Amino acid sequence: HSQYSVVNGEQNEVSNIEIGYIPAGFNLLNDYNGSLDKILHY
């Protein structure tokens, strides 16, 4: 496998995900909101 990481990255509280385009027919089924990560499942 490979691993993507940012050099000298800091840790900030994660804000909401602003999405401008969702393909037709997709619906949001799960929405996880944590302070360090957010995940949307369509």
PDB file of all heavy atoms in Angstrom:
ATOM      1  N   HIS A   1       0.834  -1.193   0.000  1.00  0.00           N
ATOM      2  CA  HIS A   1       0.000   0.000   0.000  1.00  0.00           C
ATOM      3  C   HIS A   1       0.876   1.253   0.000  1.00  0.00           C
ATOM      4  O   HIS A   1       2.092   1.173   0.127  1.00  0.00           O
ATOM      5  CB  HIS A   1      -0.925   0.015   1.223  1.00  0.00           C
ATOM      6  CG  HIS A   1      -0.203   0.227   2.522  1.00  0.00           C
ATOM      7  ND1 HIS A   1       0.449  -0.794   3.193  1.00  0.00           N
ATOM      8  CD2 HIS A   1       0.010   1.354   3.260  1.00  0.00           C
ATOM      9  CE1 HIS A   1       1.001  -0.310   4.297  1.00  0.00           C
ATOM     10  NE2 HIS A   1       0.756   0.993   4.360  1.00  0.00           N
ATOM     11  N   SER A   2       0.245   2.406  -0.150  1.00  0.00           N
ATOM     12  CA  SER A   2       0.930   3.690  -0.048  1.00  0.00           C
ATOM     13  C   SER A   2       0.194   4.556   0.959  1.00  0.00           C
ATOM     14  O   SER A   2      -0.995   4.340   1.245  1.00  0.00           O
ATOM     15  CB  SER A   2       0.977   4.392  -1.413  1.00  0.00           C
ATOM     16  OG  SER A   2       1.844   3.720  -2.288  1.00  0.00           O
ATOM     17  N   GLN A   3       0.902   5.546   1.479  1.00  0.00           N
ATOM     18  CA  GLN A   3       0.335   6.409   2.507  1.00  0.00           C
ATOM     19  C   GLN A   3       0.551   7.882   2.132  1.00  0.00           C
ATOM     20  O   GLN A   3       1.670   8.313   1.871  1.00  0.00           O
ATOM     21  CB  GLN A   3       0.981   6.124   3.865  1.00  0.00           C
ATOM     22  CG  GLN A   3       0.476   6.995   5.003  1.00  0.00           C
ATOM     23  CD  GLN A   3       1.079   6.603   6.325  1.00  0.00           C
ATOM     24  OE1 GLN A   3       0.671   5.613   6.931  1.00  0.00           O
ATOM     25  NE2 GLN A   3       2.059   7.343   6.777  1.00  0.00           N
ATOM     26  N   TYR A   4      -0.540   8.643   2.123  1.00  0.00           N
ATOM     27  CA  TYR A   4      -0.509  10.075   1.819  1.00  0.00           C
ATOM     28  C   TYR A   4      -0.500  10.847   3.128  1.00  0.00           C
ATOM     29  O   TYR A   4      -1.352  10.636   3.992  1.00  0.00           O
ATOM     30  CB  TYR A   4      -1.744  10.440   1.000  1.00  0.00           C
ATOM     31  CG  TYR A   4      -1.916  11.918   0.680  1.00  0.00           C
ATOM     32  CD1 TYR A   4      -1.598  12.409  -0.575  1.00  0.00           C
ATOM     33  CD2 TYR A   4      -2.422  12.805   1.625  1.00  0.00           C
ATOM     34  CE1 TYR A   4      -1.774  13.755  -0.882  1.00  0.00           C
ATOM     35  CE2 TYR A   4      -2.602  14.150   1.330  1.00  0.00           C
ATOM     36  CZ  TYR A   4      -2.279  14.614   0.072  1.00  0.00           C
ATOM     37  OH  TYR A   4      -2.462  15.949  -0.219  1.00  0.00           O
ATOM     38  N   SER A   5       0.465  11.757   3.288  1.00  0.00           N
ATOM     39  CA  SER A   5       0.523  12.572   4.506  1.00  0.00           C
ATOM     40  C   SER A   5       1.073  13.949   4.167  1.00  0.00           C
ATOM     41  O   SER A   5       1.896  14.111   3.261  1.00  0.00           O
ATOM     42  CB  SER A   5       1.379  11.900   5.582  1.00  0.00           C
ATOM     43  OG  SER A   5       2.686  11.648   5.104  1.00  0.00           O
ATOM     44  N   VAL A   6       0.612  14.959   4.901  1.00  0.00           N
ATOM     45  CA  VAL A   6       1.042  16.347   4.697  1.00  0.00           C
ATOM     46  C   VAL A   6       2.251  16.631   5.570  1.00  0.00           C
ATOM     47  O   VAL A   6       2.318  16.211   6.730  1.00  0.00           O
ATOM     48  CB  VAL A   6      -0.105  17.321   5.032  1.00  0.00           C
ATOM     49  CG1 VAL A   6       0.381  18.768   5.023  1.00  0.00           C
ATOM     50  CG2 VAL A   6      -1.251  17.141   4.046  1.00  0.00           C
ATOM     51  N   VAL A   7       3.219  17.342   5.019  1.00  0.00           N
ATOM     52  CA  VAL A   7       4.438  17.673   5.757  1.00  0.00           C
ATOM     53  C   VAL A   7       4.130  18.746   6.797  1.00  0.00           C
ATOM     54  O   VAL A   7       3.563  19.792   6.484  1.00  0.00           O
ATOM     55  CB  VAL A   7       5.536  18.181   4.787  1.00  0.00           C
ATOM     56  CG1 VAL A   7       6.790  18.576   5.565  1.00  0.00           C
ATOM     57  CG2 VAL A   7       5.857  17.120   3.751  1.00  0.00           C
ATOM     58  N   ASN A   8       4.477  18.464   8.045  1.00  0.00           N
ATOM     59  CA  ASN A   8       4.283  19.406   9.156  1.00  0.00           C
ATOM     60  C   ASN A   8       2.834  19.892   9.251  1.00  0.00           C
ATOM     61  O   ASN A   8       2.576  21.083   9.480  1.00  0.00           O
ATOM     62  CB  ASN A   8       5.211  20.615   9.016  1.00  0.00           C
ATOM     63  CG  ASN A   8       6.682  20.235   9.074  1.00  0.00           C
ATOM     64  OD1 ASN A   8       7.058  19.326   9.825  1.00  0.00           O
ATOM     65  ND2 ASN A   8       7.508  20.902   8.298  1.00  0.00           N
ATOM     66  N   GLY A   9       1.905  18.982   9.079  1.00  0.00           N
ATOM     67  CA  GLY A   9       0.492  19.354   9.156  1.00  0.00           C
ATOM     68  C   GLY A   9       0.023  19.531  10.579  1.00  0.00           C
ATOM     69  O   GLY A   9       0.449  18.810  11.476  1.00  0.00           O
ATOM     70  N   GLU A  10      -0.865  20.514  10.799  1.00  0.00           N
ATOM     71  CA  GLU A  10      -1.401  20.737  12.133  1.00  0.00           C
ATOM     72  C   GLU A  10      -2.777  20.088  12.266  1.00  0.00           C
ATOM     73  O   GLU A  10      -3.337  19.584  11.306  1.00  0.00           O
ATOM     74  CB  GLU A  10      -1.487  22.237  12.441  1.00  0.00           C
ATOM     75  CG  GLU A  10      -2.518  22.983  11.631  1.00  0.00           C
ATOM     76  CD  GLU A  10      -1.970  23.484  10.316  1.00  0.00           C
ATOM     77  OE1 GLU A  10      -0.815  23.150   9.979  1.00  0.00           O
ATOM     78  OE2 GLU A  10      -2.696  24.191   9.610  1.00  0.00           O
ATOM     79  N   GLN A  11      -3.308  20.124  13.470  1.00  0.00           N
ATOM     80  CA  GLN A  11      -4.592  19.479  13.754  1.00  0.00           C
ATOM     81  C   GLN A  11      -5.603  20.535  14.170  1.00  0.00           C
ATOM     82  O   GLN A  11      -5.519  21.105  15.248  1.00  0.00           O
ATOM     83  CB  GLN A  11      -4.418  18.429  14.862  1.00  0.00           C
ATOM     84  CG  GLN A  11      -5.692  17.649  15.177  1.00  0.00           C
ATOM     85  CD  GLN A  11      -5.399  16.440  16.042  1.00  0.00           C
ATOM     86  OE1 GLN A  11      -4.825  15.465  15.582  1.00  0.00           O
ATOM     87  NE2 GLN A  11      -5.766  16.510  17.303  1.00  0.00           N
ATOM     88  N   ASN A  12      -6.556  20.820  13.290  1.00  0.00           N
ATOM     89  CA  ASN A  12      -7.622  21.778  13.572  1.00  0.00           C
ATOM     90  C   ASN A  12      -8.962  21.056  13.625  1.00  0.00           C
ATOM     91  O   ASN A  12      -9.109  19.959  13.086  1.00  0.00           O
ATOM     92  CB  ASN A  12      -7.675  22.853  12.482  1.00  0.00           C
ATOM     93  CG  ASN A  12      -6.390  23.646  12.387  1.00  0.00           C
ATOM     94  OD1 ASN A  12      -5.865  24.099  13.399  1.00  0.00           O
ATOM     95  ND2 ASN A  12      -5.862  23.793  11.180  1.00  0.00           N
ATOM     96  N   GLU A  13      -9.924  21.688  14.256  1.00  0.00           N
ATOM     97  CA  GLU A  13     -11.261  21.111  14.283  1.00  0.00           C
ATOM     98  C   GLU A  13     -11.840  21.158  12.875  1.00  0.00           C
ATOM     99  O   GLU A  13     -11.774  22.178  12.193  1.00  0.00           O
ATOM    100  CB  GLU A  13     -12.167  21.884  15.244  1.00  0.00           C
ATOM    101  CG  GLU A  13     -13.542  21.256  15.385  1.00  0.00           C
ATOM    102  CD  GLU A  13     -14.366  21.915  16.469  1.00  0.00           C
ATOM    103  OE1 GLU A  13     -13.820  22.752  17.211  1.00  0.00           O
ATOM    104  OE2 GLU A  13     -15.567  21.592  16.571  1.00  0.00           O
ATOM    105  N   VAL A  14     -12.398  20.035  12.450  1.00  0.00           N
ATOM    106  CA  VAL A  14     -12.877  19.906  11.067  1.00  0.00           C
ATOM    107  C   VAL A  14     -14.250  20.550  10.915  1.00  0.00           C
ATOM    108  O   VAL A  14     -15.172  20.281  11.693  1.00  0.00           O
ATOM    109  CB  VAL A  14     -12.934  18.428  10.651  1.00  0.00           C
ATOM    110  CG1 VAL A  14     -13.463  18.288   9.235  1.00  0.00           C
ATOM    111  CG2 VAL A  14     -11.554  17.790  10.761  1.00  0.00           C
ATOM    112  N   SER A  15     -14.391  21.404   9.905  1.00  0.00           N
ATOM    113  CA  SER A  15     -15.664  22.046   9.617  1.00  0.00           C
ATOM    114  C   SER A  15     -16.480  21.180   8.654  1.00  0.00           C
ATOM    115  O   SER A  15     -16.026  20.134   8.196  1.00  0.00           O
ATOM    116  CB  SER A  15     -15.427  23.439   9.008  1.00  0.00           C
ATOM    117  OG  SER A  15     -14.591  23.330   7.870  1.00  0.00           O
ATOM    118  N   ASN A  16     -17.687  21.626   8.336  1.00  0.00           N
ATOM    119  CA  ASN A  16     -18.565  20.861   7.455  1.00  0.00           C
ATOM    120  C   ASN A  16     -17.994  20.776   6.033  1.00  0.00           C
ATOM    121  O   ASN A  16     -17.205  21.615   5.614  1.00  0.00           O
ATOM    122  CB  ASN A  16     -19.955  21.495   7.398  1.00  0.00           C
ATOM    123  CG  ASN A  16     -20.696  21.372   8.710  1.00  0.00           C
ATOM    124  OD1 ASN A  16     -20.504  20.398   9.438  1.00  0.00           O
ATOM    125  ND2 ASN A  16     -21.521  22.345   9.018  1.00  0.00           N
ATOM    126  N   ILE A  17     -18.416  19.757   5.298  1.00  0.00           N
ATOM    127  CA  ILE A  17     -17.993  19.574   3.910  1.00  0.00           C
ATOM    128  C   ILE A  17     -18.989  20.271   3.002  1.00  0.00           C
ATOM    129  O   ILE A  17     -20.185  19.959   3.023  1.00  0.00           O
ATOM    130  CB  ILE A  17     -17.909  18.080   3.547  1.00  0.00           C
ATOM    131  CG1 ILE A  17     -17.003  17.333   4.527  1.00  0.00           C
ATOM    132  CG2 ILE A  17     -17.389  17.910   2.125  1.00  0.00           C
ATOM    133  CD1 ILE A  17     -16.971  15.825   4.313  1.00  0.00           C
ATOM    134  N   GLU A  18     -18.490  21.235   2.212  1.00  0.00           N
ATOM    135  CA  GLU A  18     -19.351  21.978   1.290  1.00  0.00           C
ATOM    136  C   GLU A  18     -19.192  21.395  -0.120  1.00  0.00           C
ATOM    137  O   GLU A  18     -18.147  21.546  -0.737  1.00  0.00           O
ATOM    138  CB  GLU A  18     -18.986  23.462   1.294  1.00  0.00           C
ATOM    139  CG  GLU A  18     -19.055  24.131   2.669  1.00  0.00           C
ATOM    140  CD  GLU A  18     -20.469  24.200   3.210  1.00  0.00           C
ATOM    141  OE1 GLU A  18     -21.407  24.152   2.384  1.00  0.00           O
ATOM    142  OE2 GLU A  18     -20.630  24.286   4.431  1.00  0.00           O
ATOM    143  N   ILE A  19     -20.231  20.717  -0.630  1.00  0.00           N
ATOM    144  CA  ILE A  19     -20.165  20.036  -1.924  1.00  0.00           C
ATOM    145  C   ILE A  19     -21.059  20.762  -2.923  1.00  0.00           C
ATOM    146  O   ILE A  19     -22.236  21.008  -2.658  1.00  0.00           O
ATOM    147  CB  ILE A  19     -20.620  18.573  -1.806  1.00  0.00           C
ATOM    148  CG1 ILE A  19     -19.894  17.887  -0.645  1.00  0.00           C
ATOM    149  CG2 ILE A  19     -20.381  17.816  -3.097  1.00  0.00           C
ATOM    150  CD1 ILE A  19     -20.460  16.543  -0.293  1.00  0.00           C
ATOM    151  N   GLY A  20     -20.490  21.095  -4.078  1.00  0.00           N
ATOM    152  CA  GLY A  20     -21.267  21.806  -5.088  1.00  0.00           C
ATOM    153  C   GLY A  20     -21.896  20.905  -6.127  1.00  0.00           C
ATOM    154  O   GLY A  20     -22.783  21.334  -6.863  1.00  0.00           O
ATOM    155  N   TYR A  21     -21.446  19.642  -6.210  1.00  0.00           N
ATOM    156  CA  TYR A  21     -21.976  18.743  -7.240  1.00  0.00           C
ATOM    157  C   TYR A  21     -22.178  17.340  -6.684  1.00  0.00           C
ATOM    158  O   TYR A  21     -21.255  16.734  -6.133  1.00  0.00           O
ATOM    159  CB  TYR A  21     -21.026  18.676  -8.431  1.00  0.00           C
ATOM    160  CG  TYR A  21     -21.388  17.615  -9.449  1.00  0.00           C
ATOM    161  CD1 TYR A  21     -22.474  17.795 -10.307  1.00  0.00           C
ATOM    162  CD2 TYR A  21     -20.662  16.428  -9.532  1.00  0.00           C
ATOM    163  CE1 TYR A  21     -22.820  16.814 -11.228  1.00  0.00           C
ATOM    164  CE2 TYR A  21     -20.998  15.445 -10.448  1.00  0.00           C
ATOM    165  CZ  TYR A  21     -22.081  15.639 -11.300  1.00  0.00           C
ATOM    166  OH  TYR A  21     -22.426  14.664 -12.207  1.00  0.00           O
ATOM    167  N   ILE A  22     -23.397  16.820  -6.804  1.00  0.00           N
ATOM    168  CA  ILE A  22     -23.726  15.435  -6.461  1.00  0.00           C
ATOM    169  C   ILE A  22     -24.358  14.801  -7.696  1.00  0.00           C
ATOM    170  O   ILE A  22     -25.343  15.332  -8.239  1.00  0.00           O
ATOM    171  CB  ILE A  22     -24.728  15.352  -5.285  1.00  0.00           C
ATOM    172  CG1 ILE A  22     -24.144  16.013  -4.042  1.00  0.00           C
ATOM    173  CG2 ILE A  22     -25.087  13.895  -4.991  1.00  0.00           C
ATOM    174  CD1 ILE A  22     -22.939  15.315  -3.467  1.00  0.00           C
ATOM    175  N   PRO A  23     -23.822  13.685  -8.212  1.00  0.00           N
ATOM    176  CA  PRO A  23     -24.401  13.046  -9.407  1.00  0.00           C
ATOM    177  C   PRO A  23     -25.869  12.679  -9.199  1.00  0.00           C
ATOM    178  O   PRO A  23     -26.296  12.385  -8.075  1.00  0.00           O
ATOM    179  CB  PRO A  23     -23.532  11.792  -9.582  1.00  0.00           C
ATOM    180  CG  PRO A  23     -22.251  12.113  -8.884  1.00  0.00           C
ATOM    181  CD  PRO A  23     -22.636  12.975  -7.720  1.00  0.00           C
ATOM    182  N   ALA A  24     -26.618  12.690 -10.271  1.00  0.00           N
ATOM    183  CA  ALA A  24     -28.050  12.375 -10.214  1.00  0.00           C
ATOM    184  C   ALA A  24     -28.265  10.963  -9.682  1.00  0.00           C
ATOM    185  O   ALA A  24     -27.532  10.036 -10.028  1.00  0.00           O
ATOM    186  CB  ALA A  24     -28.670  12.525 -11.597  1.00  0.00           C
ATOM    187  N   GLY A  25     -29.268  10.807  -8.840  1.00  0.00           N
ATOM    188  CA  GLY A  25     -29.638   9.498  -8.312  1.00  0.00           C
ATOM    189  C   GLY A  25     -28.983   9.141  -6.999  1.00  0.00           C
ATOM    190  O   GLY A  25     -29.359   8.142  -6.370  1.00  0.00           O
ATOM    191  N   PHE A  26     -28.005   9.924  -6.546  1.00  0.00           N
ATOM    192  CA  PHE A  26     -27.322   9.628  -5.286  1.00  0.00           C
ATOM    193  C   PHE A  26     -28.016  10.329  -4.123  1.00  0.00           C
ATOM    194  O   PHE A  26     -28.368  11.506  -4.208  1.00  0.00           O
ATOM    195  CB  PHE A  26     -25.860  10.069  -5.346  1.00  0.00           C
ATOM    196  CG  PHE A  26     -24.974   9.122  -6.105  1.00  0.00           C
ATOM    197  CD1 PHE A  26     -24.843   9.242  -7.478  1.00  0.00           C
ATOM    198  CD2 PHE A  26     -24.286   8.106  -5.450  1.00  0.00           C
ATOM    199  CE1 PHE A  26     -24.028   8.370  -8.191  1.00  0.00           C
ATOM    200  CE2 PHE A  26     -23.474   7.239  -6.151  1.00  0.00           C
ATOM    201  CZ  PHE A  26     -23.348   7.359  -7.529  1.00  0.00           C
ATOM    202  N   ASN A  27     -28.191   9.578  -3.044  1.00  0.00           N
ATOM    203  CA  ASN A  27     -28.787  10.111  -1.827  1.00  0.00           C
ATOM    204  C   ASN A  27     -27.841   9.927  -0.651  1.00  0.00           C
ATOM    205  O   ASN A  27     -27.111   8.931  -0.575  1.00  0.00           O
ATOM    206  CB  ASN A  27     -30.120   9.400  -1.516  1.00  0.00           C
ATOM    207  CG  ASN A  27     -31.166   9.656  -2.578  1.00  0.00           C
ATOM    208  OD1 ASN A  27     -31.472  10.807  -2.897  1.00  0.00           O
ATOM    209  ND2 ASN A  27     -31.703   8.577  -3.147  1.00  0.00           N
ATOM    210  N   LEU A  28     -27.843  10.882   0.262  1.00  0.00           N
ATOM    211  CA  LEU A  28     -27.003  10.800   1.454  1.00  0.00           C
ATOM    212  C   LEU A  28     -27.608   9.797   2.434  1.00  0.00           C
ATOM    213  O   LEU A  28     -28.722   9.984   2.915  1.00  0.00           O
ATOM    214  CB  LEU A  28     -26.888  12.180   2.109  1.00  0.00           C
ATOM    215  CG  LEU A  28     -26.051  12.264   3.390  1.00  0.00           C
ATOM    216  CD1 LEU A  28     -24.600  11.894   3.123  1.00  0.00           C
ATOM    217  CD2 LEU A  28     -26.144  13.657   3.995  1.00  0.00           C
ATOM    218  N   LEU A  29     -26.872   8.709   2.737  1.00  0.00           N
ATOM    219  CA  LEU A  29     -27.365   7.682   3.648  1.00  0.00           C
ATOM    220  C   LEU A  29     -26.777   7.823   5.048  1.00  0.00           C
ATOM    221  O   LEU A  29     -27.464   7.605   6.043  1.00  0.00           O
ATOM    222  CB  LEU A  29     -27.040   6.287   3.105  1.00  0.00           C
ATOM    223  CG  LEU A  29     -27.745   5.871   1.811  1.00  0.00           C
ATOM    224  CD1 LEU A  29     -27.447   4.413   1.502  1.00  0.00           C
ATOM    225  CD2 LEU A  29     -29.255   6.080   1.923  1.00  0.00           C
ATOM    226  N   ASN A  30     -25.500   8.157   5.130  1.00  0.00           N
ATOM    227  CA  ASN A  30     -24.853   8.295   6.435  1.00  0.00           C
ATOM    228  C   ASN A  30     -24.064   9.589   6.482  1.00  0.00           C
ATOM    229  O   ASN A  30     -23.435   9.990   5.502  1.00  0.00           O
ATOM    230  CB  ASN A  30     -23.915   7.111   6.708  1.00  0.00           C
ATOM    231  CG  ASN A  30     -24.666   5.804   6.855  1.00  0.00           C
ATOM    232  OD1 ASN A  30     -25.563   5.689   7.683  1.00  0.00           O
ATOM    233  ND2 ASN A  30     -24.320   4.824   6.030  1.00  0.00           N
ATOM    234  N   ASP A  31     -24.058  10.215   7.663  1.00  0.00           N
ATOM    235  CA  ASP A  31     -23.364  11.486   7.846  1.00  0.00           C
ATOM    236  C   ASP A  31     -22.688  11.449   9.215  1.00  0.00           C
ATOM    237  O   ASP A  31     -23.344  11.612  10.243  1.00  0.00           O
ATOM    238  CB  ASP A  31     -24.374  12.634   7.759  1.00  0.00           C
ATOM    239  CG  ASP A  31     -23.694  13.989   7.903  1.00  0.00           C
ATOM    240  OD1 ASP A  31     -22.471  14.032   8.090  1.00  0.00           O
ATOM    241  OD2 ASP A  31     -24.406  15.010   7.839  1.00  0.00           O
ATOM    242  N   TYR A  32     -21.370  11.189   9.207  1.00  0.00           N
ATOM    243  CA  TYR A  32     -20.616  11.144  10.465  1.00  0.00           C
ATOM    244  C   TYR A  32     -19.915  12.480  10.682  1.00  0.00           C
ATOM    245  O   TYR A  32     -19.190  12.959   9.817  1.00  0.00           O
ATOM    246  CB  TYR A  32     -19.575  10.021  10.445  1.00  0.00           C
ATOM    247  CG  TYR A  32     -18.641  10.067  11.626  1.00  0.00           C
ATOM    248  CD1 TYR A  32     -19.061   9.621  12.875  1.00  0.00           C
ATOM    249  CD2 TYR A  32     -17.349  10.582  11.500  1.00  0.00           C
ATOM    250  CE1 TYR A  32     -18.215   9.682  13.970  1.00  0.00           C
ATOM    251  CE2 TYR A  32     -16.501  10.644  12.587  1.00  0.00           C
ATOM    252  CZ  TYR A  32     -16.934  10.195  13.822  1.00  0.00           C
ATOM    253  OH  TYR A  32     -16.093  10.259  14.902  1.00  0.00           O
ATOM    254  N   ASN A  33     -20.145  13.082  11.841  1.00  0.00           N
ATOM    255  CA  ASN A  33     -19.540  14.367  12.161  1.00  0.00           C
ATOM    256  C   ASN A  33     -18.745  14.266  13.455  1.00  0.00           C
ATOM    257  O   ASN A  33     -19.315  14.262  14.552  1.00  0.00           O
ATOM    258  CB  ASN A  33     -20.617  15.451  12.316  1.00  0.00           C
ATOM    259  CG  ASN A  33     -21.213  15.854  10.990  1.00  0.00           C
ATOM    260  OD1 ASN A  33     -20.564  16.507  10.191  1.00  0.00           O
ATOM    261  ND2 ASN A  33     -22.446  15.443  10.747  1.00  0.00           N
ATOM    262  N   GLY A  34     -17.419  14.189  13.334  1.00  0.00           N
ATOM    263  CA  GLY A  34     -16.538  14.199  14.491  1.00  0.00           C
ATOM    264  C   GLY A  34     -15.750  15.493  14.518  1.00  0.00           C
ATOM    265  O   GLY A  34     -15.785  16.277  13.575  1.00  0.00           O
ATOM    266  N   SER A  35     -15.031  15.733  15.598  1.00  0.00           N
ATOM    267  CA  SER A  35     -14.251  16.964  15.689  1.00  0.00           C
ATOM    268  C   SER A  35     -12.999  16.910  14.831  1.00  0.00           C
ATOM    269  O   SER A  35     -12.479  17.947  14.403  1.00  0.00           O
ATOM    270  CB  SER A  35     -13.858  17.221  17.145  1.00  0.00           C
ATOM    271  OG  SER A  35     -13.068  16.141  17.642  1.00  0.00           O
ATOM    272  N   LEU A  36     -12.505  15.672  14.540  1.00  0.00           N
ATOM    273  CA  LEU A  36     -11.271  15.526  13.763  1.00  0.00           C
ATOM    274  C   LEU A  36     -11.499  14.969  12.367  1.00  0.00           C
ATOM    275  O   LEU A  36     -10.584  14.960  11.552  1.00  0.00           O
ATOM    276  CB  LEU A  36     -10.278  14.629  14.524  1.00  0.00           C
ATOM    277  CG  LEU A  36      -9.839  15.146  15.894  1.00  0.00           C
ATOM    278  CD1 LEU A  36      -8.847  14.185  16.526  1.00  0.00           C
ATOM    279  CD2 LEU A  36      -9.235  16.537  15.782  1.00  0.00           C
ATOM    280  N   ASP A  37     -12.692  14.478  12.086  1.00  0.00           N
ATOM    281  CA  ASP A  37     -12.999  14.019  10.728  1.00  0.00           C
ATOM    282  C   ASP A  37     -14.500  13.979  10.493  1.00  0.00           C
ATOM    283  O   ASP A  37     -15.278  13.828  11.430  1.00  0.00           O
ATOM    284  CB  ASP A  37     -12.379  12.642  10.446  1.00  0.00           C
ATOM    285  CG  ASP A  37     -12.914  11.562  11.376  1.00  0.00           C
ATOM    286  OD1 ASP A  37     -13.458  11.910  12.437  1.00  0.00           O
ATOM    287  OD2 ASP A  37     -12.794  10.381  11.049  1.00  0.00           O
ATOM    288  N   LYS A  38     -14.865  14.148   9.236  1.00  0.00           N
ATOM    289  CA  LYS A  38     -16.270  14.071   8.829  1.00  0.00           C
ATOM    290  C   LYS A  38     -16.351  13.177   7.605  1.00  0.00           C
ATOM    291  O   LYS A  38     -15.490  13.247   6.718  1.00  0.00           O
ATOM    292  CB  LYS A  38     -16.819  15.464   8.525  1.00  0.00           C
ATOM    293  CG  LYS A  38     -16.858  16.383   9.744  1.00  0.00           C
ATOM    294  CD  LYS A  38     -17.488  17.719   9.438  1.00  0.00           C
ATOM    295  CE  LYS A  38     -17.422  18.646  10.660  1.00  0.00           C
ATOM    296  NZ  LYS A  38     -18.173  18.122  11.810  1.00  0.00           N
ATOM    297  N   ILE A  39     -17.384  12.334   7.554  1.00  0.00           N
ATOM    298  CA  ILE A  39     -17.542  11.383   6.450  1.00  0.00           C
ATOM    299  C   ILE A  39     -18.984  11.406   5.967  1.00  0.00           C
ATOM    300  O   ILE A  39     -19.923  11.312   6.765  1.00  0.00           O
ATOM    301  CB  ILE A  39     -17.169   9.942   6.873  1.00  0.00           C
ATOM    302  CG1 ILE A  39     -15.743   9.886   7.431  1.00  0.00           C
ATOM    303  CG2 ILE A  39     -17.313   8.983   5.699  1.00  0.00           C
ATOM    304  CD1 ILE A  39     -15.380   8.548   8.031  1.00  0.00           C
ATOM    305  N   LEU A  40     -19.161  11.538   4.656  1.00  0.00           N
ATOM    306  CA  LEU A  40     -20.481  11.482   4.041  1.00  0.00           C
ATOM    307  C   LEU A  40     -20.534  10.260   3.129  1.00  0.00           C
ATOM    308  O   LEU A  40     -19.606  10.018   2.362  1.00  0.00           O
ATOM    309  CB  LEU A  40     -20.753  12.744   3.220  1.00  0.00           C
ATOM    310  CG  LEU A  40     -20.653  14.086   3.955  1.00  0.00           C
ATOM    311  CD1 LEU A  40     -20.903  15.235   2.987  1.00  0.00           C
ATOM    312  CD2 LEU A  40     -21.632  14.148   5.113  1.00  0.00           C
ATOM    313  N   HIS A  41     -21.622   9.483   3.215  1.00  0.00           N
ATOM    314  CA  HIS A  41     -21.777   8.272   2.401  1.00  0.00           C
ATOM    315  C   HIS A  41     -23.013   8.427   1.517  1.00  0.00           C
ATOM    316  O   HIS A  41     -24.129   8.595   2.010  1.00  0.00           O
ATOM    317  CB  HIS A  41     -21.938   7.037   3.294  1.00  0.00           C
ATOM    318  CG  HIS A  41     -22.172   5.766   2.534  1.00  0.00           C
ATOM    319  ND1 HIS A  41     -21.219   5.185   1.735  1.00  0.00           N
ATOM    320  CD2 HIS A  41     -23.279   4.967   2.443  1.00  0.00           C
ATOM    321  CE1 HIS A  41     -21.698   4.087   1.190  1.00  0.00           C
ATOM    322  NE2 HIS A  41     -22.958   3.931   1.598  1.00  0.00           N
ATOM    323  N   TYR A  42     -22.793   8.369   0.193  1.00  0.00           N
ATOM    324  CA  TYR A  42     -23.869   8.512  -0.783  1.00  0.00           C
ATOM    325  C   TYR A  42     -24.072   7.191  -1.529  1.00  0.00           C
ATOM    326  O   TYR A  42     -23.105   6.460  -1.788  1.00  0.00           O
ATOM    327  CB  TYR A  42     -23.546   9.615  -1.794  1.00  0.00           C
ATOM    328  CG  TYR A  42     -23.631  11.017  -1.232  1.00  0.00           C
ATOM    329  CD1 TYR A  42     -22.538  11.582  -0.582  1.00  0.00           C
ATOM    330  CD2 TYR A  42     -24.798  11.764  -1.355  1.00  0.00           C
ATOM    331  CE1 TYR A  42     -22.609  12.874  -0.068  1.00  0.00           C
ATOM    332  CE2 TYR A  42     -24.877  13.052  -0.856  1.00  0.00           C
ATOM    333  CZ  TYR A  42     -23.780  13.603  -0.210  1.00  0.00           C
ATOM    334  OH  TYR A  42     -23.860  14.870   0.304  1.00  0.00           O
TER     335      TYR A  42
END
